[in-house]
PDB file of all heavy atoms in Angstrom:
ATOM      1  N   HIS A   1      25.787   6.587   1.190  1.00  0.00           N
ATOM      2  CA  HIS A   1      26.202   7.181   2.479  1.00  0.00           C
ATOM      3  C   HIS A   1      26.959   8.456   2.263  1.00  0.00           C
ATOM      4  O   HIS A   1      28.079   8.411   1.674  1.00  0.00           O
ATOM      5  CB  HIS A   1      27.029   6.198   3.268  1.00  0.00           C
ATOM      6  CG  HIS A   1      26.271   4.876   3.483  1.00  0.00           C
ATOM      7  ND1 HIS A   1      24.991   4.818   3.808  1.00  0.00           N
ATOM      8  CD2 HIS A   1      26.763   3.579   3.335  1.00  0.00           C
ATOM      9  CE1 HIS A   1      24.689   3.566   3.925  1.00  0.00           C
ATOM     10  NE2 HIS A   1      25.757   2.782   3.658  1.00  0.00           N
ATOM     11  N   LEU A   2      26.476   9.556   2.739  1.00  0.00           N
ATOM     12  CA  LEU A   2      27.129  10.861   2.585  1.00  0.00           C
ATOM     13  C   LEU A   2      28.136  11.027   3.622  1.00  0.00           C
ATOM     14  O   LEU A   2      29.157  11.685   3.481  1.00  0.00           O
ATOM     15  CB  LEU A   2      26.080  12.061   2.525  1.00  0.00           C
ATOM     16  CG  LEU A   2      25.052  11.995   1.546  1.00  0.00           C
ATOM     17  CD1 LEU A   2      24.053  13.054   1.743  1.00  0.00           C
ATOM     18  CD2 LEU A   2      25.639  12.047   0.130  1.00  0.00           C
ATOM     19  N   ASN A   3      27.906  10.555   4.857  1.00  0.00           N
ATOM     20  CA  ASN A   3      28.839  10.485   5.907  1.00  0.00           C
ATOM     21  C   ASN A   3      28.409   9.293   6.799  1.00  0.00           C
ATOM     22  O   ASN A   3      27.582   8.461   6.413  1.00  0.00           O
ATOM     23  CB  ASN A   3      28.888  11.745   6.641  1.00  0.00           C
ATOM     24  CG  ASN A   3      27.775  12.220   7.437  1.00  0.00           C
ATOM     25  OD1 ASN A   3      26.731  11.500   7.553  1.00  0.00           O
ATOM     26  ND2 ASN A   3      27.765  13.385   7.998  1.00  0.00           N
ATOM     27  N   ARG A   4      28.766   9.360   8.128  1.00  0.00           N
ATOM     28  CA  ARG A   4      28.458   8.190   8.942  1.00  0.00           C
ATOM     29  C   ARG A   4      26.945   8.038   9.208  1.00  0.00           C
ATOM     30  O   ARG A   4      26.488   6.925   9.454  1.00  0.00           O
ATOM     31  CB  ARG A   4      29.164   8.392  10.281  1.00  0.00           C
ATOM     32  CG  ARG A   4      30.660   8.082  10.277  1.00  0.00           C
ATOM     33  CD  ARG A   4      31.190   8.201  11.776  1.00  0.00           C
ATOM     34  NE  ARG A   4      30.917   9.561  12.257  1.00  0.00           N
ATOM     35  CZ  ARG A   4      30.984   9.826  13.616  1.00  0.00           C
ATOM     36  NH1 ARG A   4      31.164   8.826  14.397  1.00  0.00           N
ATOM     37  NH2 ARG A   4      30.734  11.011  14.071  1.00  0.00           N
ATOM     38  N   PHE A   5      26.208   9.155   9.163  1.00  0.00           N
ATOM     39  CA  PHE A   5      24.809   9.077   9.550  1.00  0.00           C
ATOM     40  C   PHE A   5      23.868   9.526   8.430  1.00  0.00           C
ATOM     41  O   PHE A   5      22.610   9.057   8.555  1.00  0.00           O
ATOM     42  CB  PHE A   5      24.598   9.899  10.818  1.00  0.00           C
ATOM     43  CG  PHE A   5      25.522   9.546  11.956  1.00  0.00           C
ATOM     44  CD1 PHE A   5      26.512  10.417  12.373  1.00  0.00           C
ATOM     45  CD2 PHE A   5      25.405   8.354  12.540  1.00  0.00           C
ATOM     46  CE1 PHE A   5      27.334  10.031  13.465  1.00  0.00           C
ATOM     47  CE2 PHE A   5      26.172   7.850  13.568  1.00  0.00           C
ATOM     48  CZ  PHE A   5      27.183   8.748  14.039  1.00  0.00           C
ATOM     49  N   PHE A   6      24.211  10.326   7.531  1.00  0.00           N
ATOM     50  CA  PHE A   6      23.289  10.821   6.519  1.00  0.00           C
ATOM     51  C   PHE A   6      23.534  10.093   5.183  1.00  0.00           C
ATOM     52  O   PHE A   6      24.624   9.786   4.779  1.00  0.00           O
ATOM     53  CB  PHE A   6      23.463  12.311   6.308  1.00  0.00           C
ATOM     54  CG  PHE A   6      22.882  13.212   7.393  1.00  0.00           C
ATOM     55  CD1 PHE A   6      23.749  13.589   8.373  1.00  0.00           C
ATOM     56  CD2 PHE A   6      21.634  13.533   7.440  1.00  0.00           C
ATOM     57  CE1 PHE A   6      23.287  14.414   9.438  1.00  0.00           C
ATOM     58  CE2 PHE A   6      21.099  14.336   8.464  1.00  0.00           C
ATOM     59  CZ  PHE A   6      21.965  14.817   9.479  1.00  0.00           C
ATOM     60  N   SER A   7      22.369   9.792   4.505  1.00  0.00           N
ATOM     61  CA  SER A   7      22.381   9.094   3.228  1.00  0.00           C
ATOM     62  C   SER A   7      21.479   9.699   2.258  1.00  0.00           C
ATOM     63  O   SER A   7      20.408  10.193   2.592  1.00  0.00           O
ATOM     64  CB  SER A   7      22.060   7.575   3.438  1.00  0.00           C
ATOM     65  OG  SER A   7      22.970   6.905   4.300  1.00  0.00           O
ATOM     66  N   LEU A   8      21.782   9.615   1.000  1.00  0.00           N
ATOM     67  CA  LEU A   8      20.892   9.968  -0.115  1.00  0.00           C
ATOM     68  C   LEU A   8      20.240   8.606  -0.554  1.00  0.00           C
ATOM     69  O   LEU A   8      20.779   7.647  -0.756  1.00  0.00           O
ATOM     70  CB  LEU A   8      21.747  10.490  -1.314  1.00  0.00           C
ATOM     71  CG  LEU A   8      20.938  10.689  -2.645  1.00  0.00           C
ATOM     72  CD1 LEU A   8      19.945  11.910  -2.404  1.00  0.00           C
ATOM     73  CD2 LEU A   8      21.840  11.024  -3.757  1.00  0.00           C
ATOM     74  N   ASN A   9      18.875   8.707  -0.714  1.00  0.00           N
ATOM     75  CA  ASN A   9      18.013   7.609  -1.001  1.00  0.00           C
ATOM     76  C   ASN A   9      17.330   7.835  -2.298  1.00  0.00           C
ATOM     77  O   ASN A   9      16.739   8.883  -2.578  1.00  0.00           O
ATOM     78  CB  ASN A   9      16.962   7.348   0.018  1.00  0.00           C
ATOM     79  CG  ASN A   9      15.933   6.328  -0.314  1.00  0.00           C
ATOM     80  OD1 ASN A   9      14.811   6.555  -0.616  1.00  0.00           O
ATOM     81  ND2 ASN A   9      16.442   5.015  -0.319  1.00  0.00           N
ATOM     82  N   VAL A  10      17.593   6.828  -3.277  1.00  0.00           N
ATOM     83  CA  VAL A  10      16.867   6.878  -4.546  1.00  0.00           C
ATOM     84  C   VAL A  10      16.017   5.574  -4.569  1.00  0.00           C
ATOM     85  O   VAL A  10      16.694   4.444  -4.460  1.00  0.00           O
ATOM     86  CB  VAL A  10      17.837   6.961  -5.709  1.00  0.00           C
ATOM     87  CG1 VAL A  10      17.078   6.891  -7.007  1.00  0.00           C
ATOM     88  CG2 VAL A  10      18.665   8.212  -5.671  1.00  0.00           C
ATOM     89  N   ASP A  11      14.689   5.597  -4.746  1.00  0.00           N
ATOM     90  CA  ASP A  11      13.827   4.496  -4.601  1.00  0.00           C
ATOM     91  C   ASP A  11      12.821   4.452  -5.812  1.00  0.00           C
ATOM     92  O   ASP A  11      12.352   5.405  -6.270  1.00  0.00           O
ATOM     93  CB  ASP A  11      13.039   4.705  -3.242  1.00  0.00           C
ATOM     94  CG  ASP A  11      12.250   3.492  -2.989  1.00  0.00           C
ATOM     95  OD1 ASP A  11      11.073   3.517  -3.431  1.00  0.00           O
ATOM     96  OD2 ASP A  11      12.716   2.657  -2.269  1.00  0.00           O
ATOM     97  N   ASP A  12      12.606   3.202  -6.288  1.00  0.00           N
ATOM     98  CA  ASP A  12      11.700   2.940  -7.348  1.00  0.00           C
ATOM     99  C   ASP A  12      10.670   1.933  -6.896  1.00  0.00           C
ATOM    100  O   ASP A  12      11.052   0.855  -6.395  1.00  0.00           O
ATOM    101  CB  ASP A  12      12.423   2.374  -8.521  1.00  0.00           C
ATOM    102  CG  ASP A  12      11.579   2.143  -9.820  1.00  0.00           C
ATOM    103  OD1 ASP A  12      10.511   2.808  -9.887  1.00  0.00           O
ATOM    104  OD2 ASP A  12      11.855   1.318 -10.635  1.00  0.00           O
ATOM    105  N   GLU A  13       9.402   2.258  -6.878  1.00  0.00           N
ATOM    106  CA  GLU A  13       8.409   1.355  -6.336  1.00  0.00           C
ATOM    107  C   GLU A  13       7.114   1.226  -7.251  1.00  0.00           C
ATOM    108  O   GLU A  13       6.727   2.235  -7.875  1.00  0.00           O
ATOM    109  CB  GLU A  13       7.897   1.989  -5.014  1.00  0.00           C
ATOM    110  CG  GLU A  13       6.756   1.285  -4.319  1.00  0.00           C
ATOM    111  CD  GLU A  13       6.373   1.894  -2.958  1.00  0.00           C
ATOM    112  OE1 GLU A  13       7.290   2.077  -2.112  1.00  0.00           O
ATOM    113  OE2 GLU A  13       5.203   2.260  -2.878  1.00  0.00           O
ATOM    114  N   ILE A  14       6.613   0.036  -7.315  1.00  0.00           N
ATOM    115  CA  ILE A  14       5.345  -0.241  -7.997  1.00  0.00           C
ATOM    116  C   ILE A  14       4.323  -0.795  -7.049  1.00  0.00           C
ATOM    117  O   ILE A  14       4.652  -1.729  -6.321  1.00  0.00           O
ATOM    118  CB  ILE A  14       5.580  -1.268  -9.109  1.00  0.00           C
ATOM    119  CG1 ILE A  14       6.592  -0.702 -10.163  1.00  0.00           C
ATOM    120  CG2 ILE A  14       4.253  -1.595  -9.768  1.00  0.00           C
ATOM    121  CD1 ILE A  14       6.811  -1.706 -11.338  1.00  0.00           C
ATOM    122  N   GLN A  15       3.172  -0.095  -6.983  1.00  0.00           N
ATOM    123  CA  GLN A  15       2.065  -0.571  -6.077  1.00  0.00           C
ATOM    124  C   GLN A  15       1.105  -1.384  -6.861  1.00  0.00           C
ATOM    125  O   GLN A  15       0.864  -1.139  -8.048  1.00  0.00           O
ATOM    126  CB  GLN A  15       1.381   0.677  -5.430  1.00  0.00           C
ATOM    127  CG  GLN A  15       2.341   1.525  -4.575  1.00  0.00           C
ATOM    128  CD  GLN A  15       1.704   2.749  -4.100  1.00  0.00           C
ATOM    129  OE1 GLN A  15       0.526   3.085  -4.497  1.00  0.00           O
ATOM    130  NE2 GLN A  15       2.337   3.501  -3.164  1.00  0.00           N
ATOM    131  N   VAL A  16       0.359  -2.255  -6.195  1.00  0.00           N
ATOM    132  CA  VAL A  16      -0.624  -3.111  -6.761  1.00  0.00           C
ATOM    133  C   VAL A  16      -1.954  -2.835  -5.911  1.00  0.00           C
ATOM    134  O   VAL A  16      -2.067  -3.225  -4.730  1.00  0.00           O
ATOM    135  CB  VAL A  16      -0.283  -4.556  -6.758  1.00  0.00           C
ATOM    136  CG1 VAL A  16      -1.422  -5.411  -7.367  1.00  0.00           C
ATOM    137  CG2 VAL A  16       1.037  -4.744  -7.532  1.00  0.00           C
ATOM    138  N   TRP A  17      -2.938  -2.320  -6.592  1.00  0.00           N
ATOM    139  CA  TRP A  17      -4.327  -2.146  -6.009  1.00  0.00           C
ATOM    140  C   TRP A  17      -5.183  -3.178  -6.757  1.00  0.00           C
ATOM    141  O   TRP A  17      -5.694  -2.795  -7.861  1.00  0.00           O
ATOM    142  CB  TRP A  17      -4.829  -0.743  -6.260  1.00  0.00           C
ATOM    143  CG  TRP A  17      -3.997   0.386  -5.684  1.00  0.00           C
ATOM    144  CD1 TRP A  17      -2.687   0.649  -5.991  1.00  0.00           C
ATOM    145  CD2 TRP A  17      -4.446   1.427  -4.820  1.00  0.00           C
ATOM    146  NE1 TRP A  17      -2.260   1.755  -5.212  1.00  0.00           N
ATOM    147  CE2 TRP A  17      -3.237   2.217  -4.529  1.00  0.00           C
ATOM    148  CE3 TRP A  17      -5.640   1.732  -4.082  1.00  0.00           C
ATOM    149  CZ2 TRP A  17      -3.347   3.298  -3.689  1.00  0.00           C
ATOM    150  CZ3 TRP A  17      -5.661   2.805  -3.354  1.00  0.00           C
ATOM    151  CH2 TRP A  17      -4.542   3.625  -3.058  1.00  0.00           C
ATOM    152  N   ARG A  18      -5.399  -4.285  -6.233  1.00  0.00           N
ATOM    153  CA  ARG A  18      -6.160  -5.339  -6.889  1.00  0.00           C
ATOM    154  C   ARG A  18      -7.674  -5.055  -6.985  1.00  0.00           C
ATOM    155  O   ARG A  18      -8.234  -4.593  -6.098  1.00  0.00           O
ATOM    156  CB  ARG A  18      -6.010  -6.672  -6.108  1.00  0.00           C
ATOM    157  CG  ARG A  18      -4.578  -7.192  -6.149  1.00  0.00           C
ATOM    158  CD  ARG A  18      -4.439  -8.582  -5.522  1.00  0.00           C
ATOM    159  NE  ARG A  18      -5.111  -9.613  -6.405  1.00  0.00           N
ATOM    160  CZ  ARG A  18      -6.232 -10.176  -6.093  1.00  0.00           C
ATOM    161  NH1 ARG A  18      -6.841  -9.968  -4.975  1.00  0.00           N
ATOM    162  NH2 ARG A  18      -6.726 -11.078  -6.922  1.00  0.00           N
ATOM    163  N   LYS A  19      -8.237  -5.355  -8.224  1.00  0.00           N
ATOM    164  CA  LYS A  19      -9.642  -5.191  -8.484  1.00  0.00           C
ATOM    165  C   LYS A  19     -10.119  -3.843  -8.142  1.00  0.00           C
ATOM    166  O   LYS A  19     -11.194  -3.680  -7.447  1.00  0.00           O
ATOM    167  CB  LYS A  19     -10.418  -6.331  -7.771  1.00  0.00           C
ATOM    168  CG  LYS A  19      -9.994  -7.708  -8.256  1.00  0.00           C
ATOM    169  CD  LYS A  19     -10.851  -8.762  -7.490  1.00  0.00           C
ATOM    170  CE  LYS A  19     -10.515 -10.137  -8.019  1.00  0.00           C
ATOM    171  NZ  LYS A  19     -11.288 -11.247  -7.321  1.00  0.00           N
ATOM    172  N   PHE A  20      -9.368  -2.720  -8.406  1.00  0.00           N
ATOM    173  CA  PHE A  20      -9.768  -1.466  -8.127  1.00  0.00           C
ATOM    174  C   PHE A  20     -11.023  -0.938  -8.861  1.00  0.00           C
ATOM    175  O   PHE A  20     -11.831  -0.374  -8.230  1.00  0.00           O
ATOM    176  CB  PHE A  20      -8.557  -0.505  -8.450  1.00  0.00           C
ATOM    177  CG  PHE A  20      -8.852   0.944  -7.960  1.00  0.00           C
ATOM    178  CD1 PHE A  20      -8.609   1.321  -6.695  1.00  0.00           C
ATOM    179  CD2 PHE A  20      -9.285   1.894  -8.941  1.00  0.00           C
ATOM    180  CE1 PHE A  20      -8.875   2.605  -6.258  1.00  0.00           C
ATOM    181  CE2 PHE A  20      -9.560   3.196  -8.503  1.00  0.00           C
ATOM    182  CZ  PHE A  20      -9.319   3.563  -7.189  1.00  0.00           C
ATOM    183  N   PHE A  21     -11.079  -1.188 -10.146  1.00  0.00           N
ATOM    184  CA  PHE A  21     -12.261  -0.812 -10.940  1.00  0.00           C
ATOM    185  C   PHE A  21     -13.357  -1.798 -10.880  1.00  0.00           C
ATOM    186  O   PHE A  21     -13.241  -2.995 -10.526  1.00  0.00           O
ATOM    187  CB  PHE A  21     -11.810  -0.581 -12.358  1.00  0.00           C
ATOM    188  CG  PHE A  21     -10.788   0.504 -12.513  1.00  0.00           C
ATOM    189  CD1 PHE A  21      -9.445   0.231 -12.682  1.00  0.00           C
ATOM    190  CD2 PHE A  21     -11.076   1.837 -12.506  1.00  0.00           C
ATOM    191  CE1 PHE A  21      -8.449   1.245 -12.806  1.00  0.00           C
ATOM    192  CE2 PHE A  21     -10.205   2.871 -12.590  1.00  0.00           C
ATOM    193  CZ  PHE A  21      -8.798   2.505 -12.805  1.00  0.00           C
ATOM    194  N   GLN A  22     -14.603  -1.391 -11.260  1.00  0.00           N
ATOM    195  CA  GLN A  22     -15.758  -2.149 -11.197  1.00  0.00           C
ATOM    196  C   GLN A  22     -15.646  -3.461 -12.029  1.00  0.00           C
ATOM    197  O   GLN A  22     -16.047  -4.516 -11.609  1.00  0.00           O
ATOM    198  CB  GLN A  22     -17.027  -1.379 -11.697  1.00  0.00           C
ATOM    199  CG  GLN A  22     -18.356  -2.191 -11.553  1.00  0.00           C
ATOM    200  CD  GLN A  22     -19.465  -1.338 -12.104  1.00  0.00           C
ATOM    201  OE1 GLN A  22     -19.286  -0.394 -12.785  1.00  0.00           O
ATOM    202  NE2 GLN A  22     -20.702  -1.746 -11.753  1.00  0.00           N
ATOM    203  N   HIS A  23     -14.965  -3.446 -13.174  1.00  0.00           N
ATOM    204  CA  HIS A  23     -14.765  -4.556 -14.069  1.00  0.00           C
ATOM    205  C   HIS A  23     -13.667  -5.436 -13.553  1.00  0.00           C
ATOM    206  O   HIS A  23     -13.281  -6.447 -14.206  1.00  0.00           O
ATOM    207  CB  HIS A  23     -14.583  -4.105 -15.419  1.00  0.00           C
ATOM    208  CG  HIS A  23     -13.530  -3.118 -15.652  1.00  0.00           C
ATOM    209  ND1 HIS A  23     -12.168  -3.291 -15.518  1.00  0.00           N
ATOM    210  CD2 HIS A  23     -13.634  -1.706 -15.933  1.00  0.00           C
ATOM    211  CE1 HIS A  23     -11.513  -2.205 -15.732  1.00  0.00           C
ATOM    212  NE2 HIS A  23     -12.313  -1.195 -15.982  1.00  0.00           N
ATOM    213  N   GLY A  24     -13.011  -5.109 -12.468  1.00  0.00           N
ATOM    214  CA  GLY A  24     -11.989  -6.020 -11.870  1.00  0.00           C
ATOM    215  C   GLY A  24     -10.601  -5.751 -12.223  1.00  0.00           C
ATOM    216  O   GLY A  24      -9.738  -6.478 -11.784  1.00  0.00           O
ATOM    217  N   SER A  25     -10.307  -4.734 -13.020  1.00  0.00           N
ATOM    218  CA  SER A  25      -9.012  -4.335 -13.393  1.00  0.00           C
ATOM    219  C   SER A  25      -8.138  -3.902 -12.194  1.00  0.00           C
ATOM    220  O   SER A  25      -8.690  -3.236 -11.223  1.00  0.00           O
ATOM    221  CB  SER A  25      -8.944  -3.261 -14.479  1.00  0.00           C
ATOM    222  OG  SER A  25      -9.545  -3.766 -15.647  1.00  0.00           O
ATOM    223  N   THR A  26      -6.893  -4.172 -12.259  1.00  0.00           N
ATOM    224  CA  THR A  26      -5.976  -3.824 -11.146  1.00  0.00           C
ATOM    225  C   THR A  26      -5.262  -2.481 -11.454  1.00  0.00           C
ATOM    226  O   THR A  26      -4.837  -2.311 -12.633  1.00  0.00           O
ATOM    227  CB  THR A  26      -4.951  -4.873 -10.938  1.00  0.00           C
ATOM    228  OG1 THR A  26      -5.638  -6.097 -10.481  1.00  0.00           O
ATOM    229  CG2 THR A  26      -3.879  -4.532  -9.961  1.00  0.00           C
ATOM    230  N   LEU A  27      -5.098  -1.618 -10.418  1.00  0.00           N
ATOM    231  CA  LEU A  27      -4.372  -0.381 -10.556  1.00  0.00           C
ATOM    232  C   LEU A  27      -2.925  -0.610 -10.205  1.00  0.00           C
ATOM    233  O   LEU A  27      -2.660  -1.210  -9.151  1.00  0.00           O
ATOM    234  CB  LEU A  27      -5.083   0.690  -9.702  1.00  0.00           C
ATOM    235  CG  LEU A  27      -4.727   2.159  -9.917  1.00  0.00           C
ATOM    236  CD1 LEU A  27      -5.217   2.571 -11.334  1.00  0.00           C
ATOM    237  CD2 LEU A  27      -5.385   3.004  -8.789  1.00  0.00           C
ATOM    238  N   THR A  28      -1.988  -0.116 -10.974  1.00  0.00           N
ATOM    239  CA  THR A  28      -0.599  -0.389 -10.701  1.00  0.00           C
ATOM    240  C   THR A  28       0.226   0.966 -10.837  1.00  0.00           C
ATOM    241  O   THR A  28       1.079   1.120 -11.754  1.00  0.00           O
ATOM    242  CB  THR A  28       0.038  -1.440 -11.649  1.00  0.00           C
ATOM    243  OG1 THR A  28      -0.170  -0.976 -12.983  1.00  0.00           O
ATOM    244  CG2 THR A  28      -0.569  -2.806 -11.422  1.00  0.00           C
ATOM    245  N   PRO A  29       0.046   1.858  -9.882  1.00  0.00           N
ATOM    246  CA  PRO A  29       0.817   3.111  -9.908  1.00  0.00           C
ATOM    247  C   PRO A  29       2.200   2.835  -9.512  1.00  0.00           C
ATOM    248  O   PRO A  29       2.594   1.895  -8.842  1.00  0.00           O
ATOM    249  CB  PRO A  29       0.121   3.975  -8.886  1.00  0.00           C
ATOM    250  CG  PRO A  29      -0.560   3.002  -7.988  1.00  0.00           C
ATOM    251  CD  PRO A  29      -0.950   1.852  -8.770  1.00  0.00           C
ATOM    252  N   SER A  30       3.037   3.688  -9.897  1.00  0.00           N
ATOM    253  CA  SER A  30       4.535   3.595  -9.599  1.00  0.00           C
ATOM    254  C   SER A  30       5.096   4.973  -9.156  1.00  0.00           C
ATOM    255  O   SER A  30       4.498   6.006  -9.441  1.00  0.00           O
ATOM    256  CB  SER A  30       5.320   3.023 -10.761  1.00  0.00           C
ATOM    257  OG  SER A  30       5.249   3.869 -11.861  1.00  0.00           O
ATOM    258  N   ALA A  31       6.242   4.933  -8.598  1.00  0.00           N
ATOM    259  CA  ALA A  31       6.903   6.238  -8.071  1.00  0.00           C
ATOM    260  C   ALA A  31       8.367   6.034  -8.156  1.00  0.00           C
ATOM    261  O   ALA A  31       8.941   4.985  -7.829  1.00  0.00           O
ATOM    262  CB  ALA A  31       6.414   6.481  -6.711  1.00  0.00           C
ATOM    263  N   ILE A  32       9.075   7.125  -8.523  1.00  0.00           N
ATOM    264  CA  ILE A  32      10.479   7.349  -8.447  1.00  0.00           C
ATOM    265  C   ILE A  32      10.736   8.459  -7.440  1.00  0.00           C
ATOM    266  O   ILE A  32      10.295   9.533  -7.651  1.00  0.00           O
ATOM    267  CB  ILE A  32      11.152   7.563  -9.762  1.00  0.00           C
ATOM    268  CG1 ILE A  32      10.824   6.470 -10.793  1.00  0.00           C
ATOM    269  CG2 ILE A  32      12.602   7.926  -9.659  1.00  0.00           C
ATOM    270  CD1 ILE A  32      11.282   6.834 -12.214  1.00  0.00           C
ATOM    271  N   SER A  33      11.471   8.069  -6.372  1.00  0.00           N
ATOM    272  CA  SER A  33      11.619   9.025  -5.209  1.00  0.00           C
ATOM    273  C   SER A  33      13.098   9.275  -4.944  1.00  0.00           C
ATOM    274  O   SER A  33      13.973   8.407  -5.064  1.00  0.00           O
ATOM    275  CB  SER A  33      10.968   8.406  -4.021  1.00  0.00           C
ATOM    276  OG  SER A  33       9.634   8.079  -4.302  1.00  0.00           O
ATOM    277  N   VAL A  34      13.346  10.530  -4.385  1.00  0.00           N
ATOM    278  CA  VAL A  34      14.665  10.885  -4.046  1.00  0.00           C
ATOM    279  C   VAL A  34      14.548  11.644  -2.633  1.00  0.00           C
ATOM    280  O   VAL A  34      13.743  12.533  -2.505  1.00  0.00           O
ATOM    281  CB  VAL A  34      15.310  11.866  -4.953  1.00  0.00           C
ATOM    282  CG1 VAL A  34      16.745  12.253  -4.511  1.00  0.00           C
ATOM    283  CG2 VAL A  34      15.501  11.185  -6.370  1.00  0.00           C
ATOM    284  N   GLY A  35      15.268  11.081  -1.612  1.00  0.00           N
ATOM    285  CA  GLY A  35      15.162  11.694  -0.410  1.00  0.00           C
ATOM    286  C   GLY A  35      16.515  11.702   0.462  1.00  0.00           C
ATOM    287  O   GLY A  35      17.488  11.176  -0.059  1.00  0.00           O
ATOM    288  N   VAL A  36      16.497  12.126   1.670  1.00  0.00           N
ATOM    289  CA  VAL A  36      17.629  12.037   2.575  1.00  0.00           C
ATOM    290  C   VAL A  36      17.269  11.456   3.775  1.00  0.00           C
ATOM    291  O   VAL A  36      16.130  11.618   4.360  1.00  0.00           O
ATOM    292  CB  VAL A  36      18.227  13.472   2.780  1.00  0.00           C
ATOM    293  CG1 VAL A  36      19.349  13.439   3.841  1.00  0.00           C
ATOM    294  CG2 VAL A  36      18.688  14.166   1.535  1.00  0.00           C
ATOM    295  N   SER A  37      18.116  10.582   4.394  1.00  0.00           N
ATOM    296  CA  SER A  37      17.823   9.798   5.615  1.00  0.00           C
ATOM    297  C   SER A  37      18.968  10.067   6.630  1.00  0.00           C
ATOM    298  O   SER A  37      20.099  10.355   6.264  1.00  0.00           O
ATOM    299  CB  SER A  37      17.568   8.370   5.358  1.00  0.00           C
ATOM    300  OG  SER A  37      18.784   7.829   4.857  1.00  0.00           O
ATOM    301  N   HIS A  38      18.592   9.843   7.878  1.00  0.00           N
ATOM    302  CA  HIS A  38      19.524   9.888   8.962  1.00  0.00           C
ATOM    303  C   HIS A  38      19.494   8.537   9.808  1.00  0.00           C
ATOM    304  O   HIS A  38      18.353   8.130  10.090  1.00  0.00           O
ATOM    305  CB  HIS A  38      19.271  11.066   9.913  1.00  0.00           C
ATOM    306  CG  HIS A  38      20.230  11.238  11.052  1.00  0.00           C
ATOM    307  ND1 HIS A  38      20.142  10.468  12.152  1.00  0.00           N
ATOM    308  CD2 HIS A  38      21.257  12.016  11.225  1.00  0.00           C
ATOM    309  CE1 HIS A  38      21.154  10.817  13.029  1.00  0.00           C
ATOM    310  NE2 HIS A  38      21.882  11.840  12.450  1.00  0.00           N
ATOM    311  N   THR A  39      20.631   7.972   9.975  1.00  0.00           N
ATOM    312  CA  THR A  39      20.670   6.714  10.754  1.00  0.00           C
ATOM    313  C   THR A  39      21.170   6.932  12.161  1.00  0.00           C
ATOM    314  O   THR A  39      22.269   7.459  12.315  1.00  0.00           O
ATOM    315  CB  THR A  39      21.564   5.697   9.999  1.00  0.00           C
ATOM    316  OG1 THR A  39      21.054   5.431   8.758  1.00  0.00           O
ATOM    317  CG2 THR A  39      21.624   4.387  10.698  1.00  0.00           C
ATOM    318  N   PHE A  40      20.473   6.392  13.096  1.00  0.00           N
ATOM    319  CA  PHE A  40      20.857   6.484  14.495  1.00  0.00           C
ATOM    320  C   PHE A  40      21.472   5.160  14.871  1.00  0.00           C
ATOM    321  O   PHE A  40      20.791   4.040  14.626  1.00  0.00           O
ATOM    322  CB  PHE A  40      19.629   6.775  15.401  1.00  0.00           C
ATOM    323  CG  PHE A  40      18.944   8.018  15.123  1.00  0.00           C
ATOM    324  CD1 PHE A  40      17.848   8.039  14.164  1.00  0.00           C
ATOM    325  CD2 PHE A  40      19.287   9.226  15.735  1.00  0.00           C
ATOM    326  CE1 PHE A  40      17.140   9.207  13.939  1.00  0.00           C
ATOM    327  CE2 PHE A  40      18.602  10.348  15.459  1.00  0.00           C
ATOM    328  CZ  PHE A  40      17.571  10.374  14.531  1.00  0.00           C
ATOM    329  N   GLY A  41      22.706   5.126  15.422  1.00  0.00           N
ATOM    330  CA  GLY A  41      23.329   3.882  15.868  1.00  0.00           C
ATOM    331  C   GLY A  41      23.895   3.084  14.745  1.00  0.00           C
ATOM    332  O   GLY A  41      23.440   2.006  14.519  1.00  0.00           O
TER     333      GLY A  41
END
């Protein structure tokens, strides 16, 4: 929380795409993200 309403967001996510390839292998991309958010109320 930077102040009452604005925040810095750091997020780590792993996605799962089941049986993406023809031979049935699963795709598991991931992401590290940084953003800013505003909270109302």
